[in-house]
Amino acid sequence: MDTSTDIIPGQPLADDAALLAFARFLHDGVRPRRRTLWFVMLDRERRPLPVIVPIDDVPDAPEVLMVDNLGQAWHEILQDEPGASLLLMLERPGPAAASLDDLAWRAALDSAAAGHGLRLAAFFLATADGVSTLTPGAC
């Protein structure tokens, strides 16, 4: 899966390359002007569920209440989807290099998902320069 033409509805995002291709498909050509957190819920076979949620104007650094509410919402939505996971993408203006705030979002959302028994399949950072995997400790 190297291009958006390789995205086939209903097909599992079986590996890291497929997850990245899907994130690039979502972000295609965007020049972010504000922070947006995207989340895509994946079933146990890593097929995207039919809802993709963008949350606009997220703060630079994660806020405890917002993160807790997201974890609770994910839990409630996915409680009847055993083995489900999440694909998250933080989209923001600025340079492609991960910032301390980006890493704080990654850590906070990792913790929120784990606290509700959910797994992050992938976490991406999207800027005008493109999409890359946001790896813990990448600064």
Protein backbone atom coordinates (compact mmCIF):
# COMPACT_ATOMS: atom_id res chain seq x y z
CA MET A 1 0.00 0.00 0.00
CA ASP A 2 2.00 2.96 -1.21
CA THR A 3 -0.70 5.30 -2.49
CA SER A 4 -4.26 6.25 -1.71
CA THR A 5 -5.40 4.19 -4.71
CA ASP A 6 -4.40 1.11 -2.71
CA ILE A 7 -7.04 1.81 -0.03
CA ILE A 8 -9.77 -0.78 -0.51
CA PRO A 9 -12.91 -0.46 1.65
CA GLY A 10 -13.35 -3.40 3.97
CA GLN A 11 -9.77 -4.60 3.57
CA PRO A 12 -7.78 -5.02 6.81
CA LEU A 13 -4.90 -2.65 7.45
CA ALA A 14 -2.69 -5.65 8.04
CA ASP A 15 0.67 -4.04 8.72
CA ASP A 16 2.38 -0.76 9.61
CA ALA A 17 2.74 0.20 5.93
CA ALA A 18 -1.02 -0.21 5.38
CA LEU A 19 -1.81 1.88 8.48
CA LEU A 20 0.53 4.63 7.26
CA ALA A 21 -1.00 4.54 3.76
CA PHE A 22 -4.46 4.95 5.32
CA ALA A 23 -3.30 7.92 7.42
CA ARG A 24 -1.76 9.50 4.33
CA PHE A 25 -5.03 8.93 2.48
CA LEU A 26 -6.89 10.84 5.23
CA HIS A 27 -4.37 13.70 5.26
CA ASP A 28 -3.83 13.88 1.48
CA GLY A 29 -2.88 17.42 0.44
CA VAL A 30 -3.91 19.10 3.71
CA ARG A 31 -1.98 22.14 4.92
CA PRO A 32 -3.06 22.24 8.59
CA ARG A 33 -3.91 25.61 10.13
CA ARG A 34 -4.93 24.26 13.53
CA ARG A 35 -4.42 21.17 15.65
CA THR A 36 -6.81 18.35 14.85
CA LEU A 37 -6.86 14.93 16.43
CA TRP A 38 -8.22 12.23 14.15
CA PHE A 39 -9.27 8.83 15.37
CA VAL A 40 -10.24 5.79 13.40
CA MET A 41 -11.57 2.70 15.13
CA LEU A 42 -10.45 -0.65 13.79
CA ASP A 43 -12.17 -3.98 14.31
CA ARG A 44 -10.30 -7.08 15.50
CA GLU A 45 -9.14 -7.75 11.93
CA ARG A 46 -7.90 -4.12 11.69
CA ARG A 47 -10.57 -3.06 9.22
CA PRO A 48 -11.64 0.57 9.71
CA LEU A 49 -15.07 0.88 11.25
CA PRO A 50 -17.36 3.29 9.33
CA VAL A 51 -16.77 6.33 11.54
CA ILE A 52 -13.72 8.59 11.27
CA VAL A 53 -13.71 11.37 13.86
CA PRO A 54 -11.76 14.64 13.62
CA ILE A 55 -11.59 16.77 16.77
CA ASP A 56 -10.62 20.32 15.81
CA ASP A 57 -8.78 22.94 17.82
CA VAL A 58 -7.20 20.58 20.34
CA PRO A 59 -4.84 22.38 22.73
CA ASP A 60 -1.08 22.32 22.23
CA ALA A 61 -0.59 20.05 25.23
CA PRO A 62 -3.02 17.35 26.36
CA GLU A 63 -5.54 18.27 29.05
CA VAL A 64 -6.40 15.60 31.62
CA LEU A 65 -10.18 15.98 31.34
CA MET A 66 -10.15 15.84 27.54
CA VAL A 67 -7.91 12.77 27.50
CA ASP A 68 -10.04 11.01 30.15
CA ASN A 69 -13.20 11.80 28.18
CA LEU A 70 -11.68 10.40 24.98
CA GLY A 71 -10.65 7.19 26.73
CA GLN A 72 -14.15 6.79 28.17
CA ALA A 73 -15.80 7.51 24.80
CA TRP A 74 -13.58 4.97 23.02
CA HIS A 75 -14.40 2.41 25.67
CA GLU A 76 -18.15 2.97 25.35
CA ILE A 77 -18.11 2.87 21.57
CA LEU A 78 -15.88 -0.21 21.32
CA GLN A 79 -17.13 -2.24 24.29
CA ASP A 80 -19.03 -4.55 21.93
CA GLU A 81 -16.04 -4.85 19.55
CA PRO A 82 -13.61 -7.28 21.23
CA GLY A 83 -10.08 -6.97 19.89
CA ALA A 84 -10.71 -3.48 18.50
CA SER A 85 -7.87 -0.96 18.27
CA LEU A 86 -7.38 2.69 17.37
CA LEU A 87 -5.49 4.55 14.70
CA LEU A 88 -4.76 8.11 15.87
CA MET A 89 -3.35 11.04 13.92
CA LEU A 90 -2.38 14.41 15.35
CA GLU A 91 -2.51 16.95 12.55
CA ARG A 92 -0.96 20.37 13.14
CA PRO A 93 0.77 23.30 11.47
CA GLY A 94 4.50 23.69 11.88
CA PRO A 95 7.58 21.63 11.22
CA ALA A 96 7.52 17.90 10.61
CA ALA A 97 9.79 17.15 13.58
CA ALA A 98 7.94 15.87 16.63
CA SER A 99 7.70 18.34 19.50
CA LEU A 100 7.51 17.67 23.23
CA ASP A 101 3.77 18.51 23.04
CA ASP A 102 3.28 15.94 20.27
CA LEU A 103 5.00 13.31 22.40
CA ALA A 104 2.90 14.32 25.42
CA TRP A 105 -0.25 13.72 23.32
CA ARG A 106 1.09 10.33 22.28
CA ALA A 107 1.85 9.33 25.88
CA ALA A 108 -1.46 10.63 27.26
CA LEU A 109 -3.58 8.91 24.60
CA ASP A 110 -1.58 5.68 24.90
CA SER A 111 -2.34 5.74 28.61
CA ALA A 112 -6.03 6.57 28.11
CA ALA A 113 -6.47 3.72 25.64
CA ALA A 114 -4.58 1.23 27.83
CA GLY A 115 -6.59 2.33 30.87
CA HIS A 116 -9.72 1.16 29.07
CA GLY A 117 -8.24 -2.05 27.71
CA LEU A 118 -7.78 -0.69 24.18
CA ARG A 119 -4.73 -0.84 21.99
CA LEU A 120 -3.30 1.82 19.71
CA ALA A 121 -2.60 0.22 16.35
CA ALA A 122 -0.72 3.35 15.26
CA PHE A 123 -0.16 7.01 16.11
CA PHE A 124 0.78 9.42 13.34
CA LEU A 125 1.88 13.05 13.14
CA ALA A 126 0.61 14.99 10.12
CA THR A 127 1.98 18.36 9.00
CA ALA A 128 2.19 20.21 5.69
CA ASP A 129 5.28 18.07 5.04
CA GLY A 130 3.28 14.84 5.19
CA VAL A 131 2.50 12.03 7.62
CA SER A 132 4.95 10.09 9.74
CA THR A 133 4.77 7.65 12.61
CA LEU A 134 4.95 9.38 15.98
CA THR A 135 7.19 7.08 17.96
CA PRO A 136 7.41 7.50 21.74
CA GLY A 137 10.57 9.42 22.65
CA ALA A 138 11.11 10.62 19.05
CA CYS A 139 12.30 14.15 19.97
